[in-house]
PDB file of N, CA and C in Angstrom:
ATOM      1  N   MET A   1     -35.819  16.752   2.186  1.00  0.00           N
ATOM      2  CA  MET A   1     -34.607  16.102   2.618  1.00  0.00           C
ATOM      3  C   MET A   1     -33.772  15.751   1.397  1.00  0.00           C
ATOM      4  N   GLY A   2     -32.507  16.172   1.409  1.00  0.00           N
ATOM      5  CA  GLY A   2     -31.623  15.924   0.275  1.00  0.00           C
ATOM      6  C   GLY A   2     -30.866  14.616   0.422  1.00  0.00           C
ATOM      7  N   PHE A   3     -30.215  14.257  -0.630  1.00  0.00           N
ATOM      8  CA  PHE A   3     -29.413  13.039  -0.634  1.00  0.00           C
ATOM      9  C   PHE A   3     -28.018  13.332  -0.110  1.00  0.00           C
ATOM     10  N   THR A   4     -27.453  12.380   0.616  1.00  0.00           N
ATOM     11  CA  THR A   4     -26.087  12.472   1.105  1.00  0.00           C
ATOM     12  C   THR A   4     -25.241  11.487   0.305  1.00  0.00           C
ATOM     13  N   LYS A   5     -24.067  11.954  -0.123  1.00  0.00           N
ATOM     14  CA  LYS A   5     -23.179  11.074  -0.888  1.00  0.00           C
ATOM     15  C   LYS A   5     -22.752   9.899  -0.023  1.00  0.00           C
ATOM     16  N   ILE A   6     -22.684   8.742  -0.659  1.00  0.00           N
ATOM     17  CA  ILE A   6     -22.297   7.518   0.058  1.00  0.00           C
ATOM     18  C   ILE A   6     -20.891   7.655   0.632  1.00  0.00           C
ATOM     19  N   GLU A   7     -20.034   8.377  -0.063  1.00  0.00           N
ATOM     20  CA  GLU A   7     -18.661   8.584   0.410  1.00  0.00           C
ATOM     21  C   GLU A   7     -18.653   9.269   1.778  1.00  0.00           C
ATOM     22  N   LYS A   8     -19.497  10.279   1.942  1.00  0.00           N
ATOM     23  CA  LYS A   8     -19.574  10.984   3.221  1.00  0.00           C
ATOM     24  C   LYS A   8     -20.137  10.082   4.312  1.00  0.00           C
ATOM     25  N   LEU A   9     -21.133   9.280   3.958  1.00  0.00           N
ATOM     26  CA  LEU A   9     -21.704   8.349   4.926  1.00  0.00           C
ATOM     27  C   LEU A   9     -20.662   7.319   5.383  1.00  0.00           C
ATOM     28  N   LEU A  10     -19.892   6.805   4.431  1.00  0.00           N
ATOM     29  CA  LEU A  10     -18.857   5.832   4.770  1.00  0.00           C
ATOM     30  C   LEU A  10     -17.778   6.466   5.641  1.00  0.00           C
ATOM     31  N   ASP A  11     -17.341   7.673   5.273  1.00  0.00           N
ATOM     32  CA  ASP A  11     -16.331   8.370   6.077  1.00  0.00           C
ATOM     33  C   ASP A  11     -16.806   8.566   7.507  1.00  0.00           C
ATOM     34  N   ARG A  12     -18.049   8.991   7.652  1.00  0.00           N
ATOM     35  CA  ARG A  12     -18.615   9.194   8.987  1.00  0.00           C
ATOM     36  C   ARG A  12     -18.671   7.890   9.777  1.00  0.00           C
ATOM     37  N   SER A  13     -19.087   6.821   9.119  1.00  0.00           N
ATOM     38  CA  SER A  13     -19.192   5.518   9.784  1.00  0.00           C
ATOM     39  C   SER A  13     -17.816   5.001  10.209  1.00  0.00           C
ATOM     40  N   VAL A  14     -16.836   5.178   9.358  1.00  0.00           N
ATOM     41  CA  VAL A  14     -15.477   4.744   9.674  1.00  0.00           C
ATOM     42  C   VAL A  14     -14.938   5.522  10.865  1.00  0.00           C
ATOM     43  N   LYS A  15     -15.143   6.829  10.865  1.00  0.00           N
ATOM     44  CA  LYS A  15     -14.680   7.658  11.982  1.00  0.00           C
ATOM     45  C   LYS A  15     -15.400   7.288  13.271  1.00  0.00           C
ATOM     46  N   LYS A  16     -16.684   7.077  13.173  1.00  0.00           N
ATOM     47  CA  LYS A  16     -17.476   6.734  14.356  1.00  0.00           C
ATOM     48  C   LYS A  16     -17.026   5.397  14.942  1.00  0.00           C
ATOM     49  N   ALA A  17     -16.687   4.452  14.084  1.00  0.00           N
ATOM     50  CA  ALA A  17     -16.240   3.133  14.538  1.00  0.00           C
ATOM     51  C   ALA A  17     -14.788   3.148  15.019  1.00  0.00           C
ATOM     52  N   GLY A  18     -14.057   4.237  14.711  1.00  0.00           N
ATOM     53  CA  GLY A  18     -12.663   4.343  15.139  1.00  0.00           C
ATOM     54  C   GLY A  18     -11.713   3.428  14.391  1.00  0.00           C
ATOM     55  N   ILE A  19     -12.006   3.173  13.129  1.00  0.00           N
ATOM     56  CA  ILE A  19     -11.174   2.245  12.355  1.00  0.00           C
ATOM     57  C   ILE A  19     -10.482   2.923  11.170  1.00  0.00           C
ATOM     58  N   GLN A  20     -10.257   4.229  11.272  1.00  0.00           N
ATOM     59  CA  GLN A  20      -9.617   4.942  10.166  1.00  0.00           C
ATOM     60  C   GLN A  20      -8.247   4.350   9.839  1.00  0.00           C
ATOM     61  N   GLN A  21      -7.463   4.052  10.882  1.00  0.00           N
ATOM     62  CA  GLN A  21      -6.107   3.523  10.676  1.00  0.00           C
ATOM     63  C   GLN A  21      -6.139   2.180   9.947  1.00  0.00           C
ATOM     64  N   GLN A  22      -7.024   1.300  10.341  1.00  0.00           N
ATOM     65  CA  GLN A  22      -7.120  -0.012   9.705  1.00  0.00           C
ATOM     66  C   GLN A  22      -7.566   0.107   8.250  1.00  0.00           C
ATOM     67  N   VAL A  23      -8.487   1.020   7.988  1.00  0.00           N
ATOM     68  CA  VAL A  23      -8.963   1.224   6.624  1.00  0.00           C
ATOM     69  C   VAL A  23      -7.837   1.769   5.755  1.00  0.00           C
ATOM     70  N   GLN A  24      -7.075   2.724   6.286  1.00  0.00           N
ATOM     71  CA  GLN A  24      -5.966   3.287   5.519  1.00  0.00           C
ATOM     72  C   GLN A  24      -4.901   2.223   5.249  1.00  0.00           C
ATOM     73  N   GLU A  25      -4.602   1.402   6.236  1.00  0.00           N
ATOM     74  CA  GLU A  25      -3.611   0.345   6.049  1.00  0.00           C
ATOM     75  C   GLU A  25      -4.053  -0.637   4.969  1.00  0.00           C
ATOM     76  N   ALA A  26      -5.307  -1.004   4.955  1.00  0.00           N
ATOM     77  CA  ALA A  26      -5.832  -1.906   3.921  1.00  0.00           C
ATOM     78  C   ALA A  26      -5.737  -1.252   2.547  1.00  0.00           C
ATOM     79  N   LYS A  27      -5.992   0.040   2.488  1.00  0.00           N
ATOM     80  CA  LYS A  27      -5.901   0.782   1.221  1.00  0.00           C
ATOM     81  C   LYS A  27      -4.458   0.807   0.725  1.00  0.00           C
ATOM     82  N   VAL A  28      -3.505   0.983   1.636  1.00  0.00           N
ATOM     83  CA  VAL A  28      -2.092   0.992   1.256  1.00  0.00           C
ATOM     84  C   VAL A  28      -1.694  -0.351   0.648  1.00  0.00           C
ATOM     85  N   LEU A  29      -2.147  -1.450   1.240  1.00  0.00           N
ATOM     86  CA  LEU A  29      -1.827  -2.773   0.700  1.00  0.00           C
ATOM     87  C   LEU A  29      -2.374  -2.929  -0.717  1.00  0.00           C
ATOM     88  N   GLU A  30      -3.588  -2.480  -0.914  1.00  0.00           N
ATOM     89  CA  GLU A  30      -4.201  -2.553  -2.245  1.00  0.00           C
ATOM     90  C   GLU A  30      -3.452  -1.664  -3.239  1.00  0.00           C
ATOM     91  N   ASP A  31      -3.104  -0.449  -2.805  1.00  0.00           N
ATOM     92  CA  ASP A  31      -2.396   0.476  -3.688  1.00  0.00           C
ATOM     93  C   ASP A  31      -1.001  -0.037  -4.021  1.00  0.00           C
ATOM     94  N   PHE A  32      -0.339  -0.680  -3.065  1.00  0.00           N
ATOM     95  CA  PHE A  32       0.981  -1.265  -3.341  1.00  0.00           C
ATOM     96  C   PHE A  32       0.868  -2.311  -4.451  1.00  0.00           C
ATOM     97  N   SER A  33      -0.130  -3.155  -4.354  1.00  0.00           N
ATOM     98  CA  SER A  33      -0.333  -4.176  -5.394  1.00  0.00           C
ATOM     99  C   SER A  33      -0.567  -3.533  -6.752  1.00  0.00           C
ATOM    100  N   ASN A  34      -1.331  -2.454  -6.787  1.00  0.00           N
ATOM    101  CA  ASN A  34      -1.573  -1.742  -8.047  1.00  0.00           C
ATOM    102  C   ASN A  34      -0.283  -1.146  -8.605  1.00  0.00           C
ATOM    103  N   VAL A  35       0.548  -0.578  -7.741  1.00  0.00           N
ATOM    104  CA  VAL A  35       1.827  -0.009  -8.171  1.00  0.00           C
ATOM    105  C   VAL A  35       2.729  -1.103  -8.735  1.00  0.00           C
ATOM    106  N   MET A  36       2.793  -2.219  -8.043  1.00  0.00           N
ATOM    107  CA  MET A  36       3.632  -3.328  -8.514  1.00  0.00           C
ATOM    108  C   MET A  36       3.161  -3.826  -9.878  1.00  0.00           C
ATOM    109  N   GLU A  37       1.870  -3.902 -10.047  1.00  0.00           N
ATOM    110  CA  GLU A  37       1.306  -4.386 -11.311  1.00  0.00           C
ATOM    111  C   GLU A  37       1.655  -3.459 -12.471  1.00  0.00           C
ATOM    112  N   VAL A  38       1.698  -2.166 -12.201  1.00  0.00           N
ATOM    113  CA  VAL A  38       2.008  -1.190 -13.240  1.00  0.00           C
ATOM    114  C   VAL A  38       3.512  -1.110 -13.502  1.00  0.00           C
ATOM    115  N   MET A  39       4.314  -1.146 -12.442  1.00  0.00           N
ATOM    116  CA  MET A  39       5.755  -0.941 -12.573  1.00  0.00           C
ATOM    117  C   MET A  39       6.517  -2.172 -13.074  1.00  0.00           C
ATOM    118  N   PHE A  40       6.012  -3.354 -12.785  1.00  0.00           N
ATOM    119  CA  PHE A  40       6.775  -4.570 -13.072  1.00  0.00           C
ATOM    120  C   PHE A  40       5.955  -5.540 -13.916  1.00  0.00           C
ATOM    121  N   GLU A  41       6.655  -6.434 -14.565  1.00  0.00           N
ATOM    122  CA  GLU A  41       5.986  -7.423 -15.397  1.00  0.00           C
ATOM    123  C   GLU A  41       5.256  -8.451 -14.529  1.00  0.00           C
ATOM    124  N   PRO A  42       4.300  -9.150 -15.098  1.00  0.00           N
ATOM    125  CA  PRO A  42       3.467 -10.077 -14.314  1.00  0.00           C
ATOM    126  C   PRO A  42       4.241 -11.139 -13.540  1.00  0.00           C
ATOM    127  N   LYS A  43       5.352 -11.626 -14.075  1.00  0.00           N
ATOM    128  CA  LYS A  43       6.082 -12.673 -13.352  1.00  0.00           C
ATOM    129  C   LYS A  43       6.700 -12.144 -12.058  1.00  0.00           C
ATOM    130  N   VAL A  44       7.037 -10.856 -12.010  1.00  0.00           N
ATOM    131  CA  VAL A  44       7.535 -10.240 -10.777  1.00  0.00           C
ATOM    132  C   VAL A  44       6.366  -9.979  -9.835  1.00  0.00           C
ATOM    133  N   PHE A  45       5.333  -9.384 -10.366  1.00  0.00           N
ATOM    134  CA  PHE A  45       4.143  -9.049  -9.569  1.00  0.00           C
ATOM    135  C   PHE A  45       3.572 -10.271  -8.865  1.00  0.00           C
ATOM    136  N   ALA A  46       3.607 -11.425  -9.519  1.00  0.00           N
ATOM    137  CA  ALA A  46       3.040 -12.652  -8.959  1.00  0.00           C
ATOM    138  C   ALA A  46       3.859 -13.199  -7.792  1.00  0.00           C
ATOM    139  N   LYS A  47       5.094 -12.745  -7.639  1.00  0.00           N
ATOM    140  CA  LYS A  47       5.982 -13.270  -6.602  1.00  0.00           C
ATOM    141  C   LYS A  47       6.134 -12.327  -5.405  1.00  0.00           C
ATOM    142  N   VAL A  48       5.304 -11.299  -5.360  1.00  0.00           N
ATOM    143  CA  VAL A  48       5.408 -10.289  -4.306  1.00  0.00           C
ATOM    144  C   VAL A  48       4.030 -10.073  -3.692  1.00  0.00           C
ATOM    145  N   LYS A  49       3.992  -9.972  -2.349  1.00  0.00           N
ATOM    146  CA  LYS A  49       2.707  -9.740  -1.680  1.00  0.00           C
ATOM    147  C   LYS A  49       2.913  -8.818  -0.470  1.00  0.00           C
ATOM    148  N   PRO A  50       2.138  -7.740  -0.396  1.00  0.00           N
ATOM    149  CA  PRO A  50       2.229  -6.868   0.783  1.00  0.00           C
ATOM    150  C   PRO A  50       1.589  -7.561   1.979  1.00  0.00           C
ATOM    151  N   LEU A  51       2.217  -7.419   3.142  1.00  0.00           N
ATOM    152  CA  LEU A  51       1.715  -8.088   4.341  1.00  0.00           C
ATOM    153  C   LEU A  51       1.000  -7.130   5.284  1.00  0.00           C
ATOM    154  N   TYR A  52       1.703  -6.094   5.726  1.00  0.00           N
ATOM    155  CA  TYR A  52       1.115  -5.145   6.673  1.00  0.00           C
ATOM    156  C   TYR A  52       1.918  -3.850   6.699  1.00  0.00           C
ATOM    157  N   LEU A  53       1.274  -2.815   7.203  1.00  0.00           N
ATOM    158  CA  LEU A  53       1.897  -1.496   7.366  1.00  0.00           C
ATOM    159  C   LEU A  53       1.942  -1.193   8.853  1.00  0.00           C
ATOM    160  N   LYS A  54       3.135  -0.863   9.341  1.00  0.00           N
ATOM    161  CA  LYS A  54       3.285  -0.508  10.752  1.00  0.00           C
ATOM    162  C   LYS A  54       4.307   0.617  10.869  1.00  0.00           C
ATOM    163  N   ASN A  55       3.897   1.705  11.498  1.00  0.00           N
ATOM    164  CA  ASN A  55       4.768   2.864  11.708  1.00  0.00           C
ATOM    165  C   ASN A  55       5.412   3.357  10.413  1.00  0.00           C
ATOM    166  N   GLY A  56       4.659   3.338   9.345  1.00  0.00           N
ATOM    167  CA  GLY A  56       5.150   3.837   8.062  1.00  0.00           C
ATOM    168  C   GLY A  56       6.013   2.866   7.280  1.00  0.00           C
ATOM    169  N   VAL A  57       6.233   1.682   7.816  1.00  0.00           N
ATOM    170  CA  VAL A  57       7.046   0.670   7.134  1.00  0.00           C
ATOM    171  C   VAL A  57       6.117  -0.408   6.586  1.00  0.00           C
ATOM    172  N   LEU A  58       6.157  -0.582   5.282  1.00  0.00           N
ATOM    173  CA  LEU A  58       5.338  -1.598   4.627  1.00  0.00           C
ATOM    174  C   LEU A  58       6.166  -2.867   4.475  1.00  0.00           C
ATOM    175  N   SER A  59       5.731  -3.932   5.112  1.00  0.00           N
ATOM    176  CA  SER A  59       6.410  -5.221   5.002  1.00  0.00           C
ATOM    177  C   SER A  59       5.834  -5.985   3.828  1.00  0.00           C
ATOM    178  N   VAL A  60       6.750  -6.511   3.019  1.00  0.00           N
ATOM    179  CA  VAL A  60       6.375  -7.181   1.774  1.00  0.00           C
ATOM    180  C   VAL A  60       7.115  -8.511   1.708  1.00  0.00           C
ATOM    181  N   THR A  61       6.417  -9.563   1.351  1.00  0.00           N
ATOM    182  CA  THR A  61       7.067 -10.859   1.196  1.00  0.00           C
ATOM    183  C   THR A  61       7.400 -11.096  -0.278  1.00  0.00           C
ATOM    184  N   CYS A  62       8.556 -11.730  -0.507  1.00  0.00           N
ATOM    185  CA  CYS A  62       9.014 -12.063  -1.859  1.00  0.00           C
ATOM    186  C   CYS A  62       9.386 -13.537  -1.874  1.00  0.00           C
ATOM    187  N   LEU A  63       9.236 -14.163  -3.020  1.00  0.00           N
ATOM    188  CA  LEU A  63       9.550 -15.578  -3.123  1.00  0.00           C
ATOM    189  C   LEU A  63      11.046 -15.870  -3.177  1.00  0.00           C
ATOM    190  N   SER A  64      11.872 -14.843  -3.419  1.00  0.00           N
ATOM    191  CA  SER A  64      13.317 -15.073  -3.442  1.00  0.00           C
ATOM    192  C   SER A  64      14.058 -13.853  -2.917  1.00  0.00           C
ATOM    193  N   SER A  65      15.225 -14.108  -2.355  1.00  0.00           N
ATOM    194  CA  SER A  65      16.045 -13.000  -1.838  1.00  0.00           C
ATOM    195  C   SER A  65      16.613 -12.161  -2.976  1.00  0.00           C
ATOM    196  N   VAL A  66      16.854 -12.781  -4.125  1.00  0.00           N
ATOM    197  CA  VAL A  66      17.350 -12.038  -5.290  1.00  0.00           C
ATOM    198  C   VAL A  66      16.305 -11.014  -5.731  1.00  0.00           C
ATOM    199  N   LEU A  67      15.058 -11.432  -5.794  1.00  0.00           N
ATOM    200  CA  LEU A  67      13.969 -10.519  -6.152  1.00  0.00           C
ATOM    201  C   LEU A  67      13.840  -9.416  -5.105  1.00  0.00           C
ATOM    202  N   ALA A  68      13.965  -9.758  -3.841  1.00  0.00           N
ATOM    203  CA  ALA A  68      13.875  -8.762  -2.768  1.00  0.00           C
ATOM    204  C   ALA A  68      14.964  -7.703  -2.933  1.00  0.00           C
ATOM    205  N   GLU A  69      16.169  -8.115  -3.287  1.00  0.00           N
ATOM    206  CA  GLU A  69      17.265  -7.166  -3.502  1.00  0.00           C
ATOM    207  C   GLU A  69      16.988  -6.263  -4.698  1.00  0.00           C
ATOM    208  N   LYS A  70      16.467  -6.832  -5.763  1.00  0.00           N
ATOM    209  CA  LYS A  70      16.141  -6.025  -6.951  1.00  0.00           C
ATOM    210  C   LYS A  70      15.061  -4.998  -6.628  1.00  0.00           C
ATOM    211  N   LEU A  71      14.063  -5.406  -5.864  1.00  0.00           N
ATOM    212  CA  LEU A  71      12.997  -4.475  -5.488  1.00  0.00           C
ATOM    213  C   LEU A  71      13.511  -3.405  -4.520  1.00  0.00           C
ATOM    214  N   LYS A  72      14.419  -3.787  -3.636  1.00  0.00           N
ATOM    215  CA  LYS A  72      14.994  -2.828  -2.688  1.00  0.00           C
ATOM    216  C   LYS A  72      15.719  -1.722  -3.449  1.00  0.00           C
ATOM    217  N   ALA A  73      16.362  -2.083  -4.554  1.00  0.00           N
ATOM    218  CA  ALA A  73      17.043  -1.088  -5.383  1.00  0.00           C
ATOM    219  C   ALA A  73      16.051  -0.118  -6.022  1.00  0.00           C
ATOM    220  N   GLN A  74      14.823  -0.563  -6.210  1.00  0.00           N
ATOM    221  CA  GLN A  74      13.773   0.264  -6.814  1.00  0.00           C
ATOM    222  C   GLN A  74      12.903   0.965  -5.771  1.00  0.00           C
ATOM    223  N   GLU A  75      13.258   0.826  -4.500  1.00  0.00           N
ATOM    224  CA  GLU A  75      12.430   1.349  -3.409  1.00  0.00           C
ATOM    225  C   GLU A  75      12.052   2.822  -3.565  1.00  0.00           C
ATOM    226  N   PRO A  76      12.989   3.715  -3.895  1.00  0.00           N
ATOM    227  CA  PRO A  76      12.580   5.135  -4.024  1.00  0.00           C
ATOM    228  C   PRO A  76      11.468   5.348  -5.051  1.00  0.00           C
ATOM    229  N   TYR A  77      11.534   4.634  -6.149  1.00  0.00           N
ATOM    230  CA  TYR A  77      10.525   4.777  -7.204  1.00  0.00           C
ATOM    231  C   TYR A  77       9.186   4.156  -6.784  1.00  0.00           C
ATOM    232  N   ILE A  78       9.265   3.016  -6.110  1.00  0.00           N
ATOM    233  CA  ILE A  78       8.047   2.369  -5.617  1.00  0.00           C
ATOM    234  C   ILE A  78       7.356   3.278  -4.605  1.00  0.00           C
ATOM    235  N   LEU A  79       8.133   3.836  -3.665  1.00  0.00           N
ATOM    236  CA  LEU A  79       7.565   4.722  -2.644  1.00  0.00           C
ATOM    237  C   LEU A  79       6.961   5.976  -3.269  1.00  0.00           C
ATOM    238  N   LYS A  80       7.655   6.540  -4.240  1.00  0.00           N
ATOM    239  CA  LYS A  80       7.129   7.743  -4.908  1.00  0.00           C
ATOM    240  C   LYS A  80       5.778   7.453  -5.542  1.00  0.00           C
ATOM    241  N   ASN A  81       5.681   6.337  -6.256  1.00  0.00           N
ATOM    242  CA  ASN A  81       4.419   5.976  -6.904  1.00  0.00           C
ATOM    243  C   ASN A  81       3.339   5.635  -5.881  1.00  0.00           C
ATOM    244  N   LEU A  82       3.706   4.934  -4.832  1.00  0.00           N
ATOM    245  CA  LEU A  82       2.745   4.537  -3.813  1.00  0.00           C
ATOM    246  C   LEU A  82       2.207   5.743  -3.052  1.00  0.00           C
ATOM    247  N   ASN A  83       3.085   6.623  -2.626  1.00  0.00           N
ATOM    248  CA  ASN A  83       2.662   7.797  -1.852  1.00  0.00           C
ATOM    249  C   ASN A  83       1.940   8.840  -2.708  1.00  0.00           C
ATOM    250  N   SER A  84       2.033   8.713  -4.023  1.00  0.00           N
ATOM    251  CA  SER A  84       1.347   9.678  -4.897  1.00  0.00           C
ATOM    252  C   SER A  84      -0.178   9.559  -4.781  1.00  0.00           C
ATOM    253  N   PHE A  85      -0.672   8.466  -4.205  1.00  0.00           N
ATOM    254  CA  PHE A  85      -2.114   8.295  -4.010  1.00  0.00           C
ATOM    255  C   PHE A  85      -2.645   9.149  -2.857  1.00  0.00           C
ATOM    256  N   TYR A  86      -1.731   9.637  -2.011  1.00  0.00           N
ATOM    257  CA  TYR A  86      -2.124  10.331  -0.782  1.00  0.00           C
ATOM    258  C   TYR A  86      -1.577  11.760  -0.783  1.00  0.00           C
ATOM    259  N   HIS A  87      -2.078  12.581   0.103  1.00  0.00           N
ATOM    260  CA  HIS A  87      -1.614  13.966   0.207  1.00  0.00           C
ATOM    261  C   HIS A  87      -0.468  14.108   1.192  1.00  0.00           C
ATOM    262  N   LYS A  88       0.008  12.974   1.693  1.00  0.00           N
ATOM    263  CA  LYS A  88       1.128  12.973   2.627  1.00  0.00           C
ATOM    264  C   LYS A  88       1.922  11.689   2.427  1.00  0.00           C
ATOM    265  N   ARG A  89       3.055  11.620   3.099  1.00  0.00           N
ATOM    266  CA  ARG A  89       3.901  10.431   2.995  1.00  0.00           C
ATOM    267  C   ARG A  89       3.382   9.382   3.979  1.00  0.00           C
ATOM    268  N   VAL A  90       2.640   8.431   3.478  1.00  0.00           N
ATOM    269  CA  VAL A  90       2.048   7.388   4.307  1.00  0.00           C
ATOM    270  C   VAL A  90       3.048   6.254   4.545  1.00  0.00           C
ATOM    271  N   VAL A  91       3.800   5.914   3.515  1.00  0.00           N
ATOM    272  CA  VAL A  91       4.790   4.844   3.611  1.00  0.00           C
ATOM    273  C   VAL A  91       6.174   5.466   3.509  1.00  0.00           C
ATOM    274  N   SER A  92       6.994   5.277   4.543  1.00  0.00           N
ATOM    275  CA  SER A  92       8.331   5.873   4.548  1.00  0.00           C
ATOM    276  C   SER A  92       9.401   4.912   4.051  1.00  0.00           C
ATOM    277  N   SER A  93       9.159   3.608   4.206  1.00  0.00           N
ATOM    278  CA  SER A  93      10.129   2.632   3.713  1.00  0.00           C
ATOM    279  C   SER A  93       9.445   1.284   3.493  1.00  0.00           C
ATOM    280  N   LEU A  94      10.168   0.438   2.781  1.00  0.00           N
ATOM    281  CA  LEU A  94       9.693  -0.907   2.495  1.00  0.00           C
ATOM    282  C   LEU A  94      10.626  -1.912   3.170  1.00  0.00           C
ATOM    283  N   ARG A  95      10.055  -2.970   3.676  1.00  0.00           N
ATOM    284  CA  ARG A  95      10.827  -4.041   4.303  1.00  0.00           C
ATOM    285  C   ARG A  95      10.497  -5.312   3.545  1.00  0.00           C
ATOM    286  N   PHE A  96      11.521  -5.845   2.858  1.00  0.00           N
ATOM    287  CA  PHE A  96      11.289  -7.047   2.044  1.00  0.00           C
ATOM    288  C   PHE A  96      11.699  -8.288   2.818  1.00  0.00           C
ATOM    289  N   LEU A  97      10.801  -9.250   2.876  1.00  0.00           N
ATOM    290  CA  LEU A  97      11.035 -10.521   3.547  1.00  0.00           C
ATOM    291  C   LEU A  97      11.063 -11.622   2.497  1.00  0.00           C
ATOM    292  N   ALA A  98      12.147 -12.389   2.497  1.00  0.00           N
ATOM    293  CA  ALA A  98      12.258 -13.474   1.511  1.00  0.00           C
ATOM    294  C   ALA A  98      12.157 -14.822   2.177  1.00  0.00           C
TER     295      ALA A  98
END
C-alpha cells in the first residue's frame, strides 16, 4: 500500500463534504490580505479588512472613505494581483465599505 499525498486527501474530503465554495471564499480572503500587505504600506494594510466574497464581488471594510476611494482607484491592480493566484477570474470587482 502506497502513501497518498495529504493534499489529495484534503481535496477529496472537501469535495465529499460539499464545502468547496466556502473553502475557496476563505482562501480569497486570505489571499486579499496577502496582496494588500505586499502592495501597500503597513498603515494602509492595518486599516483594511476583507469581509466576504459573494457572486465574484469581494466586500472590504475600510476605516475611512478617503482610503476606500484611494483603494478603488487601485482596483484593477489589486484584482490582477489577487486573481493571479487562481487559473480563472475568481474576483470580478471589489466593494469598499467605509
